[in-house]
């Protein structure tokens, strides 16, 4: 019988990160939230492709 070790994903740090991200999940449920996410993705994508300079 094989016994697996404790799941590494359930560390104190990872749980804190997930708790911090939880409020962001509600952004997709309103028009204002969707607009904010779209704007954020546009800027992030622009920085990654070089069409927008980080300031």
Protein backbone atom coordinates (compact mmCIF):
# COMPACT_ATOMS: atom_id res chain seq x y z
CA UNK A 1 0.00 0.00 0.00
CA UNK A 2 1.38 3.39 -0.99
CA UNK A 3 0.83 6.41 1.22
CA UNK A 4 1.25 9.80 -0.36
CA UNK A 5 2.84 12.66 1.58
CA UNK A 6 0.87 15.73 2.63
CA UNK A 7 -0.30 17.78 -0.35
CA UNK A 8 2.23 20.53 -1.01
CA UNK A 9 -0.42 22.88 -2.38
CA UNK A 10 -1.98 23.32 1.04
CA UNK A 11 0.82 25.34 2.60
CA UNK A 12 0.20 28.35 4.81
CA UNK A 13 1.57 30.60 2.05
CA UNK A 14 -0.64 29.11 -0.67
CA UNK A 15 -3.76 29.34 1.49
CA UNK A 16 -3.00 33.02 2.21
CA UNK A 17 -2.61 33.70 -1.50
CA UNK A 18 -5.90 31.99 -2.31
CA UNK A 19 -7.68 33.98 0.39
CA UNK A 20 -6.21 37.16 -1.10
CA UNK A 21 -7.39 36.25 -4.59
CA UNK A 22 -10.91 35.26 -3.58
CA UNK A 23 -12.36 38.81 -3.75
CA UNK A 24 -11.16 39.09 -7.36
CA UNK A 25 -13.44 36.27 -8.43
CA UNK A 26 -16.49 38.51 -7.98
CA UNK A 27 -15.24 40.96 -10.61
CA UNK A 28 -16.51 38.73 -13.40
CA UNK A 29 -20.06 38.99 -12.05
CA UNK A 30 -20.76 42.65 -12.81
CA UNK A 31 -20.36 44.91 -15.83
CA UNK A 32 -18.06 47.25 -13.90
CA UNK A 33 -15.93 44.31 -12.78
CA UNK A 34 -15.75 42.92 -16.31
CA UNK A 35 -14.65 46.33 -17.61
CA UNK A 36 -11.94 46.53 -14.94
CA UNK A 37 -10.67 43.05 -15.80
CA UNK A 38 -10.68 43.85 -19.51
CA UNK A 39 -8.71 47.02 -18.95
CA UNK A 40 -6.22 45.19 -16.75
CA UNK A 41 -5.73 42.44 -19.34
CA UNK A 42 -5.29 45.01 -22.11
CA UNK A 43 -2.56 46.83 -20.20
CA UNK A 44 -0.84 43.63 -19.08
CA UNK A 45 -0.93 42.20 -22.60
CA UNK A 46 0.36 45.49 -24.04
CA UNK A 47 3.29 45.49 -21.66
CA UNK A 48 4.13 41.90 -22.54
CA UNK A 49 4.01 42.54 -26.27
CA UNK A 50 5.82 45.87 -26.04
CA UNK A 51 2.95 48.01 -27.34
CA UNK A 52 2.68 49.71 -23.91
CA UNK A 53 5.69 50.83 -21.88
CA UNK A 54 5.56 50.15 -18.15
CA UNK A 55 5.75 53.38 -16.22
